[in-house]
């Protein structure tokens, strides 16, 4: 059955209602996030690993302004709505939200997922939002394969191959 990826992209009010219903049904909610500028296998493995931790996976995507602040001028390479649509098209992703801040602490407090999943470039102690998650009784999990994939490296490989 085809699900329009754009139908998975929600605002905060919509997500709050959907997650309240899910929690009332005792479904475990997992939250993951990232820039997802150039999609690569590391992203897929991270999101699939996050989904395996619960019943529902919500993904936060950094807005264009947020990516620029984190990664510098020239990024993102793809606009936020296109990045969101690509990630939402993945079967493992149930809902998606675009956020503007440099961390997802505010979103985590608003949505209160059971688990906040981060990639292997973190440890459970180095996740910036770990205290936020613990404050409401959630927990942090590290998922995905070793961090040997990145959009930055992929950009470098592409530029080298075309001689720039």
N, C-alpha and C. Protein backbone atom coordinates (compact mmCIF):
# COMPACT_ATOMS: atom_id res chain seq x y z
N UNK A 1 0.84 -1.18 0.00
CA UNK A 1 0.00 0.00 0.00
C UNK A 1 0.88 1.25 0.00
N UNK A 2 0.65 2.13 -0.94
CA UNK A 2 1.42 3.37 -1.03
C UNK A 2 0.97 4.38 0.01
N UNK A 3 1.94 4.94 0.71
CA UNK A 3 1.67 6.03 1.65
C UNK A 3 2.43 7.24 1.13
N UNK A 4 1.74 8.32 0.90
CA UNK A 4 2.38 9.55 0.43
C UNK A 4 3.35 10.03 1.51
N UNK A 5 4.66 10.10 1.19
CA UNK A 5 5.63 10.53 2.20
C UNK A 5 5.29 11.89 2.83
N UNK A 6 4.72 12.78 2.04
CA UNK A 6 4.40 14.11 2.58
C UNK A 6 3.36 14.04 3.68
N UNK A 7 2.54 12.97 3.68
CA UNK A 7 1.52 12.83 4.73
C UNK A 7 2.14 12.49 6.08
N UNK A 8 3.40 12.06 6.07
CA UNK A 8 4.09 11.74 7.33
C UNK A 8 4.70 12.98 7.97
N UNK A 9 4.82 14.06 7.22
CA UNK A 9 5.45 15.29 7.72
C UNK A 9 4.41 16.07 8.51
N UNK A 10 4.71 16.29 9.79
CA UNK A 10 3.74 16.89 10.71
C UNK A 10 4.31 18.12 11.38
N UNK A 11 3.40 18.95 11.92
CA UNK A 11 3.84 20.05 12.77
C UNK A 11 3.76 19.57 14.22
N UNK A 12 4.19 20.40 15.15
CA UNK A 12 4.27 19.99 16.55
C UNK A 12 2.90 19.65 17.13
N UNK A 13 1.90 20.45 16.83
CA UNK A 13 0.56 20.18 17.37
C UNK A 13 0.03 18.83 16.88
N UNK A 14 0.21 18.55 15.60
CA UNK A 14 -0.24 17.27 15.04
C UNK A 14 0.49 16.10 15.70
N UNK A 15 1.80 16.25 15.86
CA UNK A 15 2.58 15.17 16.46
C UNK A 15 2.18 14.91 17.90
N UNK A 16 1.94 15.97 18.65
CA UNK A 16 1.52 15.80 20.05
C UNK A 16 0.27 14.94 20.13
N UNK A 17 -0.70 15.21 19.28
CA UNK A 17 -1.95 14.43 19.29
C UNK A 17 -1.70 12.98 18.88
N UNK A 18 -0.95 12.79 17.81
CA UNK A 18 -0.67 11.43 17.32
C UNK A 18 0.10 10.61 18.35
N UNK A 19 1.05 11.23 19.02
CA UNK A 19 1.85 10.49 19.99
C UNK A 19 1.07 10.24 21.27
N UNK A 20 0.18 11.14 21.64
CA UNK A 20 -0.68 10.89 22.80
C UNK A 20 -1.56 9.67 22.56
N UNK A 21 -2.10 9.55 21.35
CA UNK A 21 -2.90 8.38 20.98
C UNK A 21 -2.05 7.11 21.03
N UNK A 22 -0.84 7.19 20.49
CA UNK A 22 0.05 6.03 20.46
C UNK A 22 0.40 5.58 21.88
N UNK A 23 0.70 6.53 22.73
CA UNK A 23 1.07 6.18 24.11
C UNK A 23 -0.14 5.61 24.86
N UNK A 24 -1.33 6.11 24.58
CA UNK A 24 -2.54 5.57 25.21
C UNK A 24 -2.74 4.10 24.81
N UNK A 25 -2.23 3.75 23.64
CA UNK A 25 -2.31 2.36 23.16
C UNK A 25 -1.08 1.55 23.58
N UNK A 26 -0.27 2.14 24.47
CA UNK A 26 0.95 1.48 24.98
C UNK A 26 1.99 1.20 23.90
N UNK A 27 2.00 2.05 22.87
CA UNK A 27 3.01 1.91 21.82
C UNK A 27 4.25 2.69 22.23
N UNK A 28 5.41 2.11 22.00
CA UNK A 28 6.68 2.76 22.37
C UNK A 28 7.12 3.69 21.24
N UNK A 29 7.41 4.94 21.62
CA UNK A 29 7.79 5.98 20.66
C UNK A 29 9.30 6.21 20.73
N UNK A 30 9.92 6.18 19.55
CA UNK A 30 11.36 6.44 19.42
C UNK A 30 11.52 7.71 18.59
N UNK A 31 12.47 8.54 18.98
CA UNK A 31 12.76 9.79 18.27
C UNK A 31 14.20 9.75 17.81
N UNK A 32 14.43 10.08 16.54
CA UNK A 32 15.77 10.22 15.99
C UNK A 32 15.84 11.54 15.25
N UNK A 33 17.03 12.02 15.01
CA UNK A 33 17.15 13.31 14.31
C UNK A 33 18.46 13.43 13.57
N UNK A 34 18.49 14.40 12.66
CA UNK A 34 19.71 14.68 11.91
C UNK A 34 19.45 15.67 10.79
N UNK A 35 20.54 16.00 10.10
CA UNK A 35 20.45 16.92 8.95
C UNK A 35 20.02 16.17 7.69
N UNK A 36 20.56 14.97 7.49
CA UNK A 36 20.22 14.13 6.35
C UNK A 36 20.37 14.89 5.03
N UNK A 37 21.53 15.52 4.86
CA UNK A 37 21.75 16.36 3.68
C UNK A 37 21.95 15.52 2.42
N UNK A 38 22.88 14.59 2.44
CA UNK A 38 23.05 13.62 1.36
C UNK A 38 22.80 12.25 1.98
N UNK A 39 21.73 11.62 1.59
CA UNK A 39 21.36 10.35 2.19
C UNK A 39 22.39 9.28 1.83
N UNK A 40 22.86 8.55 2.83
CA UNK A 40 23.80 7.46 2.61
C UNK A 40 23.43 6.28 3.50
N UNK A 41 24.14 5.18 3.32
CA UNK A 41 23.80 3.95 4.02
C UNK A 41 23.85 4.10 5.54
N UNK A 42 24.71 4.94 6.04
CA UNK A 42 24.76 5.18 7.49
C UNK A 42 23.46 5.74 8.02
N UNK A 43 22.84 6.64 7.26
CA UNK A 43 21.53 7.18 7.65
C UNK A 43 20.48 6.07 7.72
N UNK A 44 20.46 5.24 6.70
CA UNK A 44 19.48 4.16 6.64
C UNK A 44 19.66 3.21 7.82
N UNK A 45 20.89 2.81 8.09
CA UNK A 45 21.15 1.89 9.20
C UNK A 45 20.79 2.51 10.54
N UNK A 46 21.06 3.79 10.70
CA UNK A 46 20.69 4.51 11.93
C UNK A 46 19.18 4.51 12.12
N UNK A 47 18.44 4.88 11.08
CA UNK A 47 16.98 4.96 11.20
C UNK A 47 16.35 3.59 11.38
N UNK A 48 16.85 2.59 10.70
CA UNK A 48 16.32 1.24 10.89
C UNK A 48 16.62 0.73 12.31
N UNK A 49 17.81 1.06 12.81
CA UNK A 49 18.15 0.69 14.19
C UNK A 49 17.27 1.40 15.19
N UNK A 50 16.96 2.64 14.93
CA UNK A 50 16.07 3.40 15.82
C UNK A 50 14.67 2.80 15.82
N UNK A 51 14.16 2.49 14.65
CA UNK A 51 12.81 1.92 14.54
C UNK A 51 12.72 0.59 15.30
N UNK A 52 13.79 -0.18 15.29
CA UNK A 52 13.79 -1.49 15.96
C UNK A 52 13.62 -1.37 17.47
N UNK A 53 13.81 -0.17 18.02
CA UNK A 53 13.70 0.04 19.46
C UNK A 53 12.27 0.27 19.94
N UNK A 54 11.33 0.44 19.01
CA UNK A 54 9.97 0.74 19.44
C UNK A 54 8.95 0.44 18.37
N UNK A 55 7.78 1.01 18.57
CA UNK A 55 6.66 0.79 17.66
C UNK A 55 6.50 1.91 16.64
N UNK A 56 6.94 3.09 17.00
CA UNK A 56 6.73 4.27 16.17
C UNK A 56 8.03 5.07 16.12
N UNK A 57 8.48 5.44 14.93
CA UNK A 57 9.69 6.26 14.79
C UNK A 57 9.32 7.64 14.28
N UNK A 58 9.67 8.64 15.07
CA UNK A 58 9.51 10.04 14.69
C UNK A 58 10.91 10.58 14.41
N UNK A 59 11.08 11.24 13.28
CA UNK A 59 12.39 11.78 12.90
C UNK A 59 12.30 13.30 12.82
N UNK A 60 13.23 13.95 13.47
CA UNK A 60 13.38 15.40 13.38
C UNK A 60 14.46 15.72 12.36
N UNK A 61 14.14 16.61 11.44
CA UNK A 61 15.09 17.05 10.40
C UNK A 61 15.45 18.51 10.67
N UNK A 62 16.74 18.79 10.70
CA UNK A 62 17.17 20.18 10.87
C UNK A 62 16.70 21.02 9.69
N UNK A 63 16.17 22.20 10.00
CA UNK A 63 15.78 23.14 8.95
C UNK A 63 17.02 23.62 8.20
N UNK A 64 16.80 24.27 7.08
CA UNK A 64 17.93 24.80 6.30
C UNK A 64 18.78 25.75 7.14
N UNK A 65 18.14 26.64 7.89
CA UNK A 65 18.87 27.60 8.73
C UNK A 65 19.68 26.87 9.80
N UNK A 66 19.10 25.84 10.38
CA UNK A 66 19.79 25.07 11.41
C UNK A 66 20.99 24.33 10.83
N UNK A 67 20.85 23.75 9.64
CA UNK A 67 21.97 23.06 9.00
C UNK A 67 23.09 24.06 8.72
N UNK A 68 22.75 25.23 8.19
CA UNK A 68 23.76 26.26 7.91
C UNK A 68 24.52 26.63 9.17
N UNK A 69 23.79 26.78 10.28
CA UNK A 69 24.44 27.14 11.55
C UNK A 69 25.38 26.03 12.03
N UNK A 70 25.00 24.79 11.80
CA UNK A 70 25.81 23.66 12.26
C UNK A 70 26.95 23.31 11.31
N UNK A 71 26.70 23.38 10.00
CA UNK A 71 27.65 22.86 9.01
C UNK A 71 28.38 23.94 8.23
N UNK A 72 27.88 25.19 8.27
CA UNK A 72 28.54 26.27 7.57
C UNK A 72 27.87 26.65 6.25
N UNK A 73 28.37 27.73 5.66
CA UNK A 73 27.85 28.21 4.39
C UNK A 73 27.99 27.12 3.32
N UNK A 74 27.06 27.10 2.40
CA UNK A 74 27.08 26.11 1.34
C UNK A 74 26.29 24.85 1.70
N UNK A 75 25.85 24.76 2.92
CA UNK A 75 25.04 23.63 3.35
C UNK A 75 23.71 24.17 3.84
N UNK A 76 22.65 23.46 3.71
CA UNK A 76 22.57 22.13 3.12
C UNK A 76 22.65 22.18 1.60
N UNK A 77 22.93 21.05 1.01
CA UNK A 77 22.94 20.93 -0.43
C UNK A 77 21.53 20.78 -0.99
N UNK A 78 20.65 20.23 -0.18
CA UNK A 78 19.26 20.00 -0.58
C UNK A 78 18.34 20.72 0.39
N UNK A 79 17.27 21.34 -0.11
CA UNK A 79 16.36 22.07 0.78
C UNK A 79 15.62 21.16 1.74
N UNK A 80 15.23 21.74 2.86
CA UNK A 80 14.61 20.97 3.94
C UNK A 80 13.38 20.17 3.51
N UNK A 81 12.54 20.72 2.66
CA UNK A 81 11.34 19.98 2.26
C UNK A 81 11.69 18.75 1.43
N UNK A 82 12.72 18.83 0.63
CA UNK A 82 13.15 17.67 -0.15
C UNK A 82 13.82 16.63 0.75
N UNK A 83 14.66 17.09 1.69
CA UNK A 83 15.28 16.15 2.63
C UNK A 83 14.20 15.45 3.45
N UNK A 84 13.20 16.22 3.88
CA UNK A 84 12.11 15.65 4.68
C UNK A 84 11.33 14.61 3.87
N UNK A 85 11.04 14.92 2.65
CA UNK A 85 10.28 13.99 1.81
C UNK A 85 11.05 12.68 1.59
N UNK A 86 12.36 12.79 1.38
CA UNK A 86 13.16 11.58 1.18
C UNK A 86 13.17 10.71 2.43
N UNK A 87 13.40 11.30 3.57
CA UNK A 87 13.43 10.52 4.81
C UNK A 87 12.04 9.96 5.12
N UNK A 88 11.00 10.75 4.91
CA UNK A 88 9.64 10.29 5.15
C UNK A 88 9.26 9.13 4.23
N UNK A 89 9.92 9.01 3.09
CA UNK A 89 9.59 7.92 2.17
C UNK A 89 10.11 6.57 2.65
N UNK A 90 10.97 6.57 3.65
CA UNK A 90 11.49 5.31 4.18
C UNK A 90 10.41 4.60 4.99
N UNK A 91 10.30 3.30 4.78
CA UNK A 91 9.27 2.52 5.46
C UNK A 91 9.41 2.57 6.98
N UNK A 92 10.63 2.66 7.49
CA UNK A 92 10.84 2.64 8.94
C UNK A 92 10.42 3.94 9.63
N UNK A 93 10.20 5.00 8.87
CA UNK A 93 9.83 6.31 9.44
C UNK A 93 8.31 6.45 9.45
N UNK A 94 7.78 6.71 10.64
CA UNK A 94 6.33 6.88 10.79
C UNK A 94 5.91 8.34 10.66
N UNK A 95 6.67 9.24 11.29
CA UNK A 95 6.36 10.67 11.23
C UNK A 95 7.65 11.45 11.19
N UNK A 96 7.55 12.67 10.71
CA UNK A 96 8.72 13.53 10.57
C UNK A 96 8.33 14.96 10.90
N UNK A 97 9.26 15.69 11.50
CA UNK A 97 9.06 17.10 11.79
C UNK A 97 10.34 17.85 11.46
N UNK A 98 10.21 19.05 10.94
CA UNK A 98 11.36 19.92 10.65
C UNK A 98 11.50 20.88 11.82
N UNK A 99 12.73 21.02 12.33
CA UNK A 99 12.94 21.91 13.48
C UNK A 99 14.06 22.91 13.19
N UNK A 100 14.01 24.06 13.89
CA UNK A 100 14.94 25.16 13.62
C UNK A 100 16.13 25.26 14.57
N UNK A 101 16.07 24.68 15.73
CA UNK A 101 17.14 24.89 16.71
C UNK A 101 18.34 23.98 16.45
N UNK A 102 19.42 24.22 17.18
CA UNK A 102 20.63 23.42 17.00
C UNK A 102 20.55 22.08 17.73
N UNK A 103 19.66 21.96 18.70
CA UNK A 103 19.43 20.68 19.37
C UNK A 103 17.93 20.40 19.35
N UNK A 104 17.58 19.18 19.72
CA UNK A 104 16.17 18.79 19.73
C UNK A 104 15.60 18.77 21.14
N UNK A 105 16.27 19.42 22.08
CA UNK A 105 15.84 19.40 23.48
C UNK A 105 14.39 19.87 23.63
N UNK A 106 14.03 20.95 22.99
CA UNK A 106 12.65 21.47 23.10
C UNK A 106 11.64 20.48 22.53
N UNK A 107 11.97 19.89 21.40
CA UNK A 107 11.08 18.89 20.80
C UNK A 107 10.93 17.67 21.70
N UNK A 108 12.02 17.24 22.28
CA UNK A 108 11.96 16.08 23.17
C UNK A 108 11.05 16.37 24.37
N UNK A 109 11.16 17.56 24.93
CA UNK A 109 10.29 17.92 26.06
C UNK A 109 8.83 17.99 25.65
N UNK A 110 8.58 18.46 24.44
CA UNK A 110 7.20 18.58 23.96
C UNK A 110 6.60 17.21 23.61
N UNK A 111 7.42 16.32 23.04
CA UNK A 111 6.91 15.04 22.55
C UNK A 111 7.11 13.88 23.53
N UNK A 112 8.13 13.98 24.37
CA UNK A 112 8.42 12.99 25.40
C UNK A 112 8.46 11.54 24.87
N UNK A 113 9.30 11.29 23.86
CA UNK A 113 9.39 9.91 23.36
C UNK A 113 10.00 9.01 24.44
N UNK A 114 9.71 7.73 24.34
CA UNK A 114 10.27 6.77 25.28
C UNK A 114 11.79 6.67 25.11
N UNK A 115 12.22 6.74 23.86
CA UNK A 115 13.65 6.59 23.55
C UNK A 115 14.09 7.67 22.58
N UNK A 116 15.26 8.24 22.87
CA UNK A 116 15.91 9.17 21.95
C UNK A 116 17.10 8.42 21.37
N UNK A 117 17.04 8.09 20.09
CA UNK A 117 18.09 7.31 19.43
C UNK A 117 19.08 8.25 18.74
N UNK A 118 20.35 7.99 18.99
CA UNK A 118 21.43 8.75 18.35
C UNK A 118 22.38 7.77 17.67
N UNK A 119 23.16 8.29 16.73
CA UNK A 119 24.10 7.47 15.98
C UNK A 119 25.35 7.17 16.76
N UNK A 120 26.19 6.32 16.18
CA UNK A 120 27.38 5.83 16.86
C UNK A 120 28.51 6.85 16.97
N UNK A 121 28.29 8.06 16.47
CA UNK A 121 29.28 9.11 16.71
C UNK A 121 29.10 9.68 18.11
N UNK A 122 28.11 9.18 18.85
CA UNK A 122 27.85 9.57 20.24
C UNK A 122 28.02 8.35 21.13
N UNK A 123 28.15 8.62 22.43
CA UNK A 123 27.99 7.60 23.45
C UNK A 123 26.76 8.03 24.25
N UNK A 124 26.23 7.14 25.06
CA UNK A 124 25.04 7.52 25.83
C UNK A 124 25.33 8.69 26.76
N UNK A 125 26.60 8.89 27.12
CA UNK A 125 26.96 10.01 28.00
C UNK A 125 27.26 11.30 27.24
N UNK A 126 27.52 11.21 25.93
CA UNK A 126 27.86 12.43 25.18
C UNK A 126 26.68 13.02 24.40
N UNK A 127 25.52 12.38 24.44
CA UNK A 127 24.35 12.90 23.73
C UNK A 127 23.96 14.23 24.37
N UNK A 128 23.92 15.33 23.60
CA UNK A 128 23.64 16.65 24.18
C UNK A 128 22.32 16.73 24.94
N UNK A 129 21.33 15.97 24.50
CA UNK A 129 20.00 16.06 25.11
C UNK A 129 19.75 14.98 26.18
N UNK A 130 20.79 14.27 26.59
CA UNK A 130 20.58 13.14 27.51
C UNK A 130 19.90 13.55 28.81
N UNK A 131 20.29 14.69 29.39
CA UNK A 131 19.66 15.13 30.64
C UNK A 131 18.20 15.51 30.42
N UNK A 132 17.91 16.08 29.27
CA UNK A 132 16.52 16.41 28.94
C UNK A 132 15.68 15.13 28.88
N UNK A 133 16.18 14.12 28.19
CA UNK A 133 15.45 12.86 28.04
C UNK A 133 15.26 12.20 29.41
N UNK A 134 16.28 12.18 30.19
CA UNK A 134 16.19 11.56 31.52
C UNK A 134 15.24 12.33 32.43
N UNK A 135 15.10 13.64 32.22
CA UNK A 135 14.25 14.45 33.09
C UNK A 135 12.79 14.03 33.05
N UNK A 136 12.34 13.46 31.96
CA UNK A 136 10.94 13.02 31.88
C UNK A 136 10.81 11.49 31.93
N UNK A 137 11.90 10.79 32.22
CA UNK A 137 11.85 9.35 32.36
C UNK A 137 12.15 8.55 31.11
N UNK A 138 12.58 9.22 30.05
CA UNK A 138 12.96 8.52 28.83
C UNK A 138 14.39 8.01 28.90
N UNK A 139 14.81 7.32 27.87
CA UNK A 139 16.21 6.90 27.85
C UNK A 139 16.82 7.12 26.47
N UNK A 140 18.15 7.15 26.47
CA UNK A 140 18.93 7.38 25.26
C UNK A 140 19.49 6.04 24.79
N UNK A 141 19.48 5.82 23.49
CA UNK A 141 20.06 4.60 22.91
C UNK A 141 20.95 4.99 21.73
N UNK A 142 22.03 4.27 21.57
CA UNK A 142 22.95 4.47 20.46
C UNK A 142 22.71 3.35 19.45
N UNK A 143 22.45 3.72 18.20
CA UNK A 143 22.11 2.74 17.17
C UNK A 143 22.84 3.04 15.86
N UNK A 144 22.86 2.05 14.99
CA UNK A 144 23.47 2.21 13.67
C UNK A 144 24.82 1.55 13.61
N UNK A 145 25.45 1.69 12.47
CA UNK A 145 26.77 1.10 12.29
C UNK A 145 27.84 2.11 12.67
N UNK A 146 29.10 1.70 12.70
CA UNK A 146 30.17 2.65 13.05
C UNK A 146 30.13 3.88 12.15
N UNK A 147 30.47 5.01 12.71
CA UNK A 147 30.39 6.29 12.00
C UNK A 147 31.54 6.39 10.99
N UNK A 148 31.43 5.65 9.89
CA UNK A 148 32.41 5.81 8.82
C UNK A 148 31.74 6.23 7.52
N UNK A 149 30.57 6.85 7.69
CA UNK A 149 29.85 7.45 6.56
C UNK A 149 29.47 8.87 6.99
N UNK A 150 29.59 9.82 6.09
CA UNK A 150 29.11 11.16 6.40
C UNK A 150 28.84 11.91 5.10
N UNK A 151 27.93 12.86 5.17
CA UNK A 151 27.66 13.69 3.99
C UNK A 151 28.92 14.47 3.62
N UNK A 152 29.65 14.97 4.63
CA UNK A 152 30.87 15.74 4.38
C UNK A 152 31.87 14.90 3.58
N UNK A 153 32.07 13.64 3.99
CA UNK A 153 33.01 12.78 3.28
C UNK A 153 32.51 12.47 1.87
N UNK A 154 31.22 12.26 1.73
CA UNK A 154 30.63 11.98 0.42
C UNK A 154 30.83 13.18 -0.52
N UNK A 155 30.64 14.37 0.00
CA UNK A 155 30.88 15.59 -0.79
C UNK A 155 32.34 15.63 -1.25
N UNK A 156 33.26 15.31 -0.34
CA UNK A 156 34.68 15.29 -0.68
C UNK A 156 35.00 14.28 -1.78
N UNK A 157 34.41 13.11 -1.69
CA UNK A 157 34.62 12.07 -2.71
C UNK A 157 34.09 12.54 -4.06
N UNK A 158 32.93 13.12 -4.08
CA UNK A 158 32.35 13.61 -5.34
C UNK A 158 33.23 14.68 -5.95
N UNK A 159 33.66 15.64 -5.13
CA UNK A 159 34.52 16.71 -5.65
C UNK A 159 35.85 16.17 -6.18
N UNK A 160 36.42 15.19 -5.48
CA UNK A 160 37.69 14.61 -5.93
C UNK A 160 37.50 13.87 -7.27
N UNK A 161 36.40 13.18 -7.41
CA UNK A 161 36.16 12.41 -8.64
C UNK A 161 35.94 13.31 -9.86
N UNK A 162 35.40 14.50 -9.63
CA UNK A 162 35.19 15.39 -10.76
C UNK A 162 36.34 16.40 -10.89
N UNK A 163 37.35 16.25 -10.04
CA UNK A 163 38.56 17.05 -10.16
C UNK A 163 38.48 18.45 -9.59
N UNK A 164 37.66 18.63 -8.57
CA UNK A 164 37.57 19.97 -7.95
C UNK A 164 38.26 19.95 -6.61
